């Protein structure tokens, strides 16, 4: 089932029943309460990658600011990072 979901929903990276990629967009804040240390590392890497690839081009300023906070080490949405 996960392979089906990953393929047809274009899910990349860690996922539960929610897509962690959504954490890169501030409008999805209600979906999350805690993440694993591995997922937190992945999110930071993805935020930095998107900043370097897209910069200010075609990205809403709120999303770009959110990515910058994540890349700088601020865990989004007041979440806790679970111990490894």
PDB file of N, CA and C in Angstrom:
ATOM      1  N   UNK A   1       0.814  -1.191   0.000  1.00  0.00           N
ATOM      2  CA  UNK A   1       0.000   0.000   0.000  1.00  0.00           C
ATOM      3  C   UNK A   1       0.863   1.264   0.000  1.00  0.00           C
ATOM      4  N   UNK A   2       1.965   1.240   0.798  1.00  0.00           N
ATOM      5  CA  UNK A   2       2.816   2.421   0.833  1.00  0.00           C
ATOM      6  C   UNK A   2       3.435   2.713  -0.527  1.00  0.00           C
ATOM      7  N   UNK A   3       3.806   1.671  -1.261  1.00  0.00           N
ATOM      8  CA  UNK A   3       4.371   1.898  -2.591  1.00  0.00           C
ATOM      9  C   UNK A   3       3.350   2.565  -3.497  1.00  0.00           C
ATOM     10  N   UNK A   4       2.102   2.145  -3.412  1.00  0.00           N
ATOM     11  CA  UNK A   4       1.031   2.774  -4.176  1.00  0.00           C
ATOM     12  C   UNK A   4       0.902   4.250  -3.789  1.00  0.00           C
ATOM     13  N   UNK A   5       0.839   4.530  -2.482  1.00  0.00           N
ATOM     14  CA  UNK A   5       0.706   5.907  -2.018  1.00  0.00           C
ATOM     15  C   UNK A   5       1.908   6.754  -2.427  1.00  0.00           C
ATOM     16  N   UNK A   6       3.106   6.217  -2.266  1.00  0.00           N
ATOM     17  CA  UNK A   6       4.301   6.976  -2.640  1.00  0.00           C
ATOM     18  C   UNK A   6       4.301   7.321  -4.123  1.00  0.00           C
ATOM     19  N   UNK A   7       3.904   6.361  -4.946  1.00  0.00           N
ATOM     20  CA  UNK A   7       3.915   6.583  -6.389  1.00  0.00           C
ATOM     21  C   UNK A   7       2.840   7.585  -6.814  1.00  0.00           C
ATOM     22  N   UNK A   8       1.602   7.351  -6.435  1.00  0.00           N
ATOM     23  CA  UNK A   8       0.499   8.161  -6.936  1.00  0.00           C
ATOM     24  C   UNK A   8       0.322   9.491  -6.207  1.00  0.00           C
ATOM     25  N   UNK A   9       0.828   9.610  -4.998  1.00  0.00           N
ATOM     26  CA  UNK A   9       0.746  10.884  -4.277  1.00  0.00           C
ATOM     27  C   UNK A   9       2.065  11.643  -4.322  1.00  0.00           C
ATOM     28  N   UNK A  10       3.045  11.085  -5.052  1.00  0.00           N
ATOM     29  CA  UNK A  10       4.354  11.707  -5.200  1.00  0.00           C
ATOM     30  C   UNK A  10       4.983  12.008  -3.839  1.00  0.00           C
ATOM     31  N   UNK A  11       4.909  11.055  -2.931  1.00  0.00           N
ATOM     32  CA  UNK A  11       5.475  11.206  -1.593  1.00  0.00           C
ATOM     33  C   UNK A  11       6.948  10.844  -1.641  1.00  0.00           C
ATOM     34  N   UNK A  12       7.783  11.782  -1.222  1.00  0.00           N
ATOM     35  CA  UNK A  12       9.217  11.539  -1.125  1.00  0.00           C
ATOM     36  C   UNK A  12       9.631  11.845   0.300  1.00  0.00           C
ATOM     37  N   UNK A  13      10.530  11.070   0.852  1.00  0.00           N
ATOM     38  CA  UNK A  13      10.983  11.303   2.215  1.00  0.00           C
ATOM     39  C   UNK A  13      10.120  10.582   3.224  1.00  0.00           C
ATOM     40  N   UNK A  14      10.416  10.782   4.509  1.00  0.00           N
ATOM     41  CA  UNK A  14       9.694  10.086   5.574  1.00  0.00           C
ATOM     42  C   UNK A  14       8.214  10.423   5.562  1.00  0.00           C
ATOM     43  N   UNK A  15       7.382   9.467   5.910  1.00  0.00           N
ATOM     44  CA  UNK A  15       5.938   9.710   5.953  1.00  0.00           C
ATOM     45  C   UNK A  15       5.277   8.749   6.927  1.00  0.00           C
ATOM     46  N   UNK A  16       4.233   9.214   7.533  1.00  0.00           N
ATOM     47  CA  UNK A  16       3.342   8.357   8.314  1.00  0.00           C
ATOM     48  C   UNK A  16       2.034   8.393   7.564  1.00  0.00           C
ATOM     49  N   UNK A  17       0.967   8.746   8.216  1.00  0.00           N
ATOM     50  CA  UNK A  17      -0.280   8.947   7.497  1.00  0.00           C
ATOM     51  C   UNK A  17      -0.408  10.376   6.994  1.00  0.00           C
ATOM     52  N   UNK A  18       0.606  11.160   7.288  1.00  0.00           N
ATOM     53  CA  UNK A  18       0.692  12.526   6.778  1.00  0.00           C
ATOM     54  C   UNK A  18       1.997  12.664   6.021  1.00  0.00           C
ATOM     55  N   UNK A  19       2.062  13.584   5.121  1.00  0.00           N
ATOM     56  CA  UNK A  19       3.271  13.791   4.333  1.00  0.00           C
ATOM     57  C   UNK A  19       4.134  14.835   5.028  1.00  0.00           C
ATOM     58  N   UNK A  20       5.345  14.460   5.454  1.00  0.00           N
ATOM     59  CA  UNK A  20       6.220  15.380   6.161  1.00  0.00           C
ATOM     60  C   UNK A  20       6.673  16.543   5.295  1.00  0.00           C
ATOM     61  N   UNK A  21       6.630  16.393   4.008  1.00  0.00           N
ATOM     62  CA  UNK A  21       6.915  17.507   3.115  1.00  0.00           C
ATOM     63  C   UNK A  21       5.970  18.677   3.404  1.00  0.00           C
ATOM     64  N   UNK A  22       4.774  18.383   3.897  1.00  0.00           N
ATOM     65  CA  UNK A  22       3.821  19.437   4.251  1.00  0.00           C
ATOM     66  C   UNK A  22       4.371  20.356   5.345  1.00  0.00           C
ATOM     67  N   UNK A  23       5.340  19.887   6.131  1.00  0.00           N
ATOM     68  CA  UNK A  23       5.917  20.730   7.186  1.00  0.00           C
ATOM     69  C   UNK A  23       6.683  21.908   6.612  1.00  0.00           C
ATOM     70  N   UNK A  24       7.002  21.853   5.337  1.00  0.00           N
ATOM     71  CA  UNK A  24       7.703  22.951   4.691  1.00  0.00           C
ATOM     72  C   UNK A  24       6.761  24.090   4.330  1.00  0.00           C
ATOM     73  N   UNK A  25       5.468  23.920   4.569  1.00  0.00           N
ATOM     74  CA  UNK A  25       4.459  24.925   4.242  1.00  0.00           C
ATOM     75  C   UNK A  25       3.660  25.258   5.503  1.00  0.00           C
ATOM     76  N   UNK A  26       3.682  26.521   5.916  1.00  0.00           N
ATOM     77  CA  UNK A  26       3.098  26.901   7.201  1.00  0.00           C
ATOM     78  C   UNK A  26       1.611  26.644   7.332  1.00  0.00           C
ATOM     79  N   UNK A  27       0.877  26.530   6.247  1.00  0.00           N
ATOM     80  CA  UNK A  27      -0.573  26.315   6.339  1.00  0.00           C
ATOM     81  C   UNK A  27      -0.958  24.926   6.852  1.00  0.00           C
ATOM     82  N   UNK A  28       0.006  24.013   6.981  1.00  0.00           N
ATOM     83  CA  UNK A  28      -0.290  22.657   7.447  1.00  0.00           C
ATOM     84  C   UNK A  28       0.082  22.433   8.910  1.00  0.00           C
ATOM     85  N   UNK A  29       0.251  23.482   9.676  1.00  0.00           N
ATOM     86  CA  UNK A  29       0.754  23.358  11.041  1.00  0.00           C
ATOM     87  C   UNK A  29      -0.080  22.477  11.948  1.00  0.00           C
ATOM     88  N   UNK A  30      -1.349  22.341  11.730  1.00  0.00           N
ATOM     89  CA  UNK A  30      -2.208  21.557  12.626  1.00  0.00           C
ATOM     90  C   UNK A  30      -2.030  20.041  12.482  1.00  0.00           C
ATOM     91  N   UNK A  31      -1.314  19.613  11.481  1.00  0.00           N
ATOM     92  CA  UNK A  31      -1.148  18.176  11.231  1.00  0.00           C
ATOM     93  C   UNK A  31      -0.100  17.512  12.110  1.00  0.00           C
ATOM     94  N   UNK A  32       0.735  18.292  12.818  1.00  0.00           N
ATOM     95  CA  UNK A  32       1.926  17.728  13.421  1.00  0.00           C
ATOM     96  C   UNK A  32       2.071  18.052  14.904  1.00  0.00           C
ATOM     97  N   UNK A  33       2.611  17.093  15.672  1.00  0.00           N
ATOM     98  CA  UNK A  33       2.894  17.316  17.090  1.00  0.00           C
ATOM     99  C   UNK A  33       4.328  16.932  17.457  1.00  0.00           C
ATOM    100  N   UNK A  34       4.877  15.865  16.865  1.00  0.00           N
ATOM    101  CA  UNK A  34       6.244  15.435  17.145  1.00  0.00           C
ATOM    102  C   UNK A  34       6.810  14.728  15.912  1.00  0.00           C
ATOM    103  N   UNK A  35       8.132  14.808  15.777  1.00  0.00           N
ATOM    104  CA  UNK A  35       8.818  14.135  14.675  1.00  0.00           C
ATOM    105  C   UNK A  35      10.062  13.433  15.202  1.00  0.00           C
ATOM    106  N   UNK A  36      10.534  12.457  14.456  1.00  0.00           N
ATOM    107  CA  UNK A  36      11.750  11.753  14.840  1.00  0.00           C
ATOM    108  C   UNK A  36      12.970  12.610  14.507  1.00  0.00           C
ATOM    109  N   UNK A  37      14.090  12.293  15.116  1.00  0.00           N
ATOM    110  CA  UNK A  37      15.334  13.010  14.839  1.00  0.00           C
ATOM    111  C   UNK A  37      15.737  12.851  13.370  1.00  0.00           C
ATOM    112  N   UNK A  38      15.533  11.677  12.810  1.00  0.00           N
ATOM    113  CA  UNK A  38      15.853  11.447  11.396  1.00  0.00           C
ATOM    114  C   UNK A  38      14.989  12.312  10.482  1.00  0.00           C
ATOM    115  N   UNK A  39      13.712  12.412  10.807  1.00  0.00           N
ATOM    116  CA  UNK A  39      12.806  13.243  10.011  1.00  0.00           C
ATOM    117  C   UNK A  39      13.190  14.710  10.128  1.00  0.00           C
ATOM    118  N   UNK A  40      13.565  15.145  11.313  1.00  0.00           N
ATOM    119  CA  UNK A  40      13.987  16.531  11.510  1.00  0.00           C
ATOM    120  C   UNK A  40      15.219  16.849  10.659  1.00  0.00           C
ATOM    121  N   UNK A  41      16.185  15.934  10.637  1.00  0.00           N
ATOM    122  CA  UNK A  41      17.375  16.122   9.807  1.00  0.00           C
ATOM    123  C   UNK A  41      16.978  16.215   8.333  1.00  0.00           C
ATOM    124  N   UNK A  42      16.079  15.349   7.891  1.00  0.00           N
ATOM    125  CA  UNK A  42      15.616  15.340   6.502  1.00  0.00           C
ATOM    126  C   UNK A  42      14.938  16.664   6.164  1.00  0.00           C
ATOM    127  N   UNK A  43      14.082  17.168   7.060  1.00  0.00           N
ATOM    128  CA  UNK A  43      13.395  18.434   6.814  1.00  0.00           C
ATOM    129  C   UNK A  43      14.382  19.586   6.663  1.00  0.00           C
ATOM    130  N   UNK A  44      15.386  19.623   7.527  1.00  0.00           N
ATOM    131  CA  UNK A  44      16.389  20.688   7.429  1.00  0.00           C
ATOM    132  C   UNK A  44      17.126  20.619   6.089  1.00  0.00           C
ATOM    133  N   UNK A  45      17.471  19.410   5.673  1.00  0.00           N
ATOM    134  CA  UNK A  45      18.159  19.238   4.395  1.00  0.00           C
ATOM    135  C   UNK A  45      17.267  19.674   3.239  1.00  0.00           C
ATOM    136  N   UNK A  46      15.988  19.291   3.277  1.00  0.00           N
ATOM    137  CA  UNK A  46      15.059  19.655   2.209  1.00  0.00           C
ATOM    138  C   UNK A  46      14.833  21.160   2.151  1.00  0.00           C
ATOM    139  N   UNK A  47      14.700  21.799   3.304  1.00  0.00           N
ATOM    140  CA  UNK A  47      14.504  23.254   3.330  1.00  0.00           C
ATOM    141  C   UNK A  47      15.713  23.952   2.717  1.00  0.00           C
ATOM    142  N   UNK A  48      16.924  23.546   3.119  1.00  0.00           N
ATOM    143  CA  UNK A  48      18.138  24.153   2.573  1.00  0.00           C
ATOM    144  C   UNK A  48      18.244  23.912   1.070  1.00  0.00           C
ATOM    145  N   UNK A  49      17.883  22.718   0.634  1.00  0.00           N
ATOM    146  CA  UNK A  49      17.931  22.379  -0.790  1.00  0.00           C
ATOM    147  C   UNK A  49      16.969  23.257  -1.587  1.00  0.00           C
ATOM    148  N   UNK A  50      15.756  23.428  -1.080  1.00  0.00           N
ATOM    149  CA  UNK A  50      14.770  24.236  -1.800  1.00  0.00           C
ATOM    150  C   UNK A  50      15.166  25.707  -1.831  1.00  0.00           C
ATOM    151  N   UNK A  51      15.763  26.188  -0.768  1.00  0.00           N
ATOM    152  CA  UNK A  51      16.245  27.571  -0.757  1.00  0.00           C
ATOM    153  C   UNK A  51      17.324  27.752  -1.817  1.00  0.00           C
ATOM    154  N   UNK A  52      18.278  26.818  -1.872  1.00  0.00           N
ATOM    155  CA  UNK A  52      19.375  26.953  -2.829  1.00  0.00           C
ATOM    156  C   UNK A  52      18.901  26.754  -4.267  1.00  0.00           C
ATOM    157  N   UNK A  53      17.916  25.886  -4.487  1.00  0.00           N
ATOM    158  CA  UNK A  53      17.427  25.637  -5.840  1.00  0.00           C
ATOM    159  C   UNK A  53      16.493  26.742  -6.337  1.00  0.00           C
ATOM    160  N   UNK A  54      15.643  27.250  -5.456  1.00  0.00           N
ATOM    161  CA  UNK A  54      14.615  28.192  -5.900  1.00  0.00           C
ATOM    162  C   UNK A  54      14.871  29.632  -5.487  1.00  0.00           C
ATOM    163  N   UNK A  55      15.626  29.813  -4.411  1.00  0.00           N
ATOM    164  CA  UNK A  55      15.855  31.167  -3.934  1.00  0.00           C
ATOM    165  C   UNK A  55      14.544  31.897  -3.731  1.00  0.00           C
ATOM    166  N   UNK A  56      14.459  33.110  -4.247  1.00  0.00           N
ATOM    167  CA  UNK A  56      13.231  33.903  -4.124  1.00  0.00           C
ATOM    168  C   UNK A  56      12.285  33.696  -5.300  1.00  0.00           C
ATOM    169  N   UNK A  57      12.706  32.903  -6.265  1.00  0.00           N
ATOM    170  CA  UNK A  57      11.918  32.734  -7.483  1.00  0.00           C
ATOM    171  C   UNK A  57      10.680  31.884  -7.254  1.00  0.00           C
ATOM    172  N   UNK A  58       9.540  32.470  -7.521  1.00  0.00           N
ATOM    173  CA  UNK A  58       8.280  31.734  -7.554  1.00  0.00           C
ATOM    174  C   UNK A  58       7.946  31.029  -6.240  1.00  0.00           C
ATOM    175  N   UNK A  59       8.365  31.594  -5.114  1.00  0.00           N
ATOM    176  CA  UNK A  59       8.066  31.038  -3.801  1.00  0.00           C
ATOM    177  C   UNK A  59       7.420  32.149  -2.978  1.00  0.00           C
ATOM    178  N   UNK A  60       6.297  31.833  -2.351  1.00  0.00           N
ATOM    179  CA  UNK A  60       5.633  32.831  -1.515  1.00  0.00           C
ATOM    180  C   UNK A  60       6.579  33.256  -0.393  1.00  0.00           C
ATOM    181  N   UNK A  61       6.619  34.545  -0.052  1.00  0.00           N
ATOM    182  CA  UNK A  61       7.538  35.016   0.990  1.00  0.00           C
ATOM    183  C   UNK A  61       7.358  34.306   2.334  1.00  0.00           C
ATOM    184  N   UNK A  62       6.138  33.950   2.701  1.00  0.00           N
ATOM    185  CA  UNK A  62       5.915  33.234   3.965  1.00  0.00           C
ATOM    186  C   UNK A  62       6.525  31.838   3.929  1.00  0.00           C
ATOM    187  N   UNK A  63       6.429  31.189   2.777  1.00  0.00           N
ATOM    188  CA  UNK A  63       7.016  29.853   2.624  1.00  0.00           C
ATOM    189  C   UNK A  63       8.534  29.950   2.674  1.00  0.00           C
ATOM    190  N   UNK A  64       9.106  30.910   1.987  1.00  0.00           N
ATOM    191  CA  UNK A  64      10.555  31.087   1.990  1.00  0.00           C
ATOM    192  C   UNK A  64      11.068  31.374   3.407  1.00  0.00           C
ATOM    193  N   UNK A  65      10.379  32.233   4.137  1.00  0.00           N
ATOM    194  CA  UNK A  65      10.771  32.532   5.521  1.00  0.00           C
ATOM    195  C   UNK A  65      10.681  31.285   6.386  1.00  0.00           C
ATOM    196  N   UNK A  66       9.655  30.467   6.160  1.00  0.00           N
ATOM    197  CA  UNK A  66       9.480  29.214   6.902  1.00  0.00           C
ATOM    198  C   UNK A  66      10.633  28.260   6.614  1.00  0.00           C
ATOM    199  N   UNK A  67      11.002  28.120   5.346  1.00  0.00           N
ATOM    200  CA  UNK A  67      12.128  27.269   4.968  1.00  0.00           C
ATOM    201  C   UNK A  67      13.407  27.750   5.634  1.00  0.00           C
ATOM    202  N   UNK A  68      13.621  29.058   5.653  1.00  0.00           N
ATOM    203  CA  UNK A  68      14.841  29.608   6.251  1.00  0.00           C
ATOM    204  C   UNK A  68      14.908  29.316   7.743  1.00  0.00           C
ATOM    205  N   UNK A  69      13.774  29.399   8.435  1.00  0.00           N
ATOM    206  CA  UNK A  69      13.755  29.079   9.868  1.00  0.00           C
ATOM    207  C   UNK A  69      14.081  27.604  10.097  1.00  0.00           C
ATOM    208  N   UNK A  70      13.510  26.722   9.281  1.00  0.00           N
ATOM    209  CA  UNK A  70      13.786  25.288   9.401  1.00  0.00           C
ATOM    210  C   UNK A  70      15.261  25.016   9.149  1.00  0.00           C
ATOM    211  N   UNK A  71      15.799  25.574   8.069  1.00  0.00           N
ATOM    212  CA  UNK A  71      17.211  25.360   7.732  1.00  0.00           C
ATOM    213  C   UNK A  71      18.133  25.875   8.837  1.00  0.00           C
ATOM    214  N   UNK A  72      17.688  26.916   9.542  1.00  0.00           N
ATOM    215  CA  UNK A  72      18.488  27.495  10.620  1.00  0.00           C
ATOM    216  C   UNK A  72      18.366  26.724  11.933  1.00  0.00           C
ATOM    217  N   UNK A  73      17.491  25.714  11.964  1.00  0.00           N
ATOM    218  CA  UNK A  73      17.400  24.869  13.151  1.00  0.00           C
ATOM    219  C   UNK A  73      16.187  25.092  14.030  1.00  0.00           C
ATOM    220  N   UNK A  74      15.224  25.901  13.596  1.00  0.00           N
ATOM    221  CA  UNK A  74      14.016  26.116  14.391  1.00  0.00           C
ATOM    222  C   UNK A  74      12.978  25.061  14.007  1.00  0.00           C
ATOM    223  N   UNK A  75      12.629  24.212  14.943  1.00  0.00           N
ATOM    224  CA  UNK A  75      11.641  23.156  14.695  1.00  0.00           C
ATOM    225  C   UNK A  75      10.276  23.826  14.485  1.00  0.00           C
ATOM    226  N   UNK A  76       9.575  23.508  13.394  1.00  0.00           N
ATOM    227  CA  UNK A  76       8.332  24.210  13.090  1.00  0.00           C
ATOM    228  C   UNK A  76       7.154  23.785  13.972  1.00  0.00           C
ATOM    229  N   UNK A  77       6.209  24.698  14.065  1.00  0.00           N
ATOM    230  CA  UNK A  77       4.909  24.449  14.673  1.00  0.00           C
ATOM    231  C   UNK A  77       4.975  24.077  16.159  1.00  0.00           C
ATOM    232  N   UNK A  78       6.058  24.442  16.831  1.00  0.00           N
ATOM    233  CA  UNK A  78       6.188  24.133  18.251  1.00  0.00           C
ATOM    234  C   UNK A  78       6.300  22.646  18.545  1.00  0.00           C
ATOM    235  N   UNK A  79       6.770  21.884  17.558  1.00  0.00           N
ATOM    236  CA  UNK A  79       6.869  20.438  17.706  1.00  0.00           C
ATOM    237  C   UNK A  79       8.052  20.036  18.568  1.00  0.00           C
ATOM    238  N   UNK A  80       7.999  18.826  19.029  1.00  0.00           N
ATOM    239  CA  UNK A  80       9.108  18.218  19.752  1.00  0.00           C
ATOM    240  C   UNK A  80       9.829  17.257  18.826  1.00  0.00           C
ATOM    241  N   UNK A  81      11.144  17.180  18.949  1.00  0.00           N
ATOM    242  CA  UNK A  81      11.926  16.197  18.201  1.00  0.00           C
ATOM    243  C   UNK A  81      12.165  15.029  19.143  1.00  0.00           C
ATOM    244  N   UNK A  82      11.703  13.856  18.726  1.00  0.00           N
ATOM    245  CA  UNK A  82      11.853  12.658  19.552  1.00  0.00           C
ATOM    246  C   UNK A  82      13.305  12.212  19.589  1.00  0.00           C
ATOM    247  N   UNK A  83      13.715  11.640  20.683  1.00  0.00           N
ATOM    248  CA  UNK A  83      15.076  11.130  20.813  1.00  0.00           C
ATOM    249  C   UNK A  83      15.296   9.986  19.828  1.00  0.00           C
ATOM    250  N   UNK A  84      16.503   9.898  19.326  1.00  0.00           N
ATOM    251  CA  UNK A  84      16.827   8.842  18.341  1.00  0.00           C
ATOM    252  C   UNK A  84      16.855   7.477  18.975  1.00  0.00           C
TER     253      UNK A  84
END
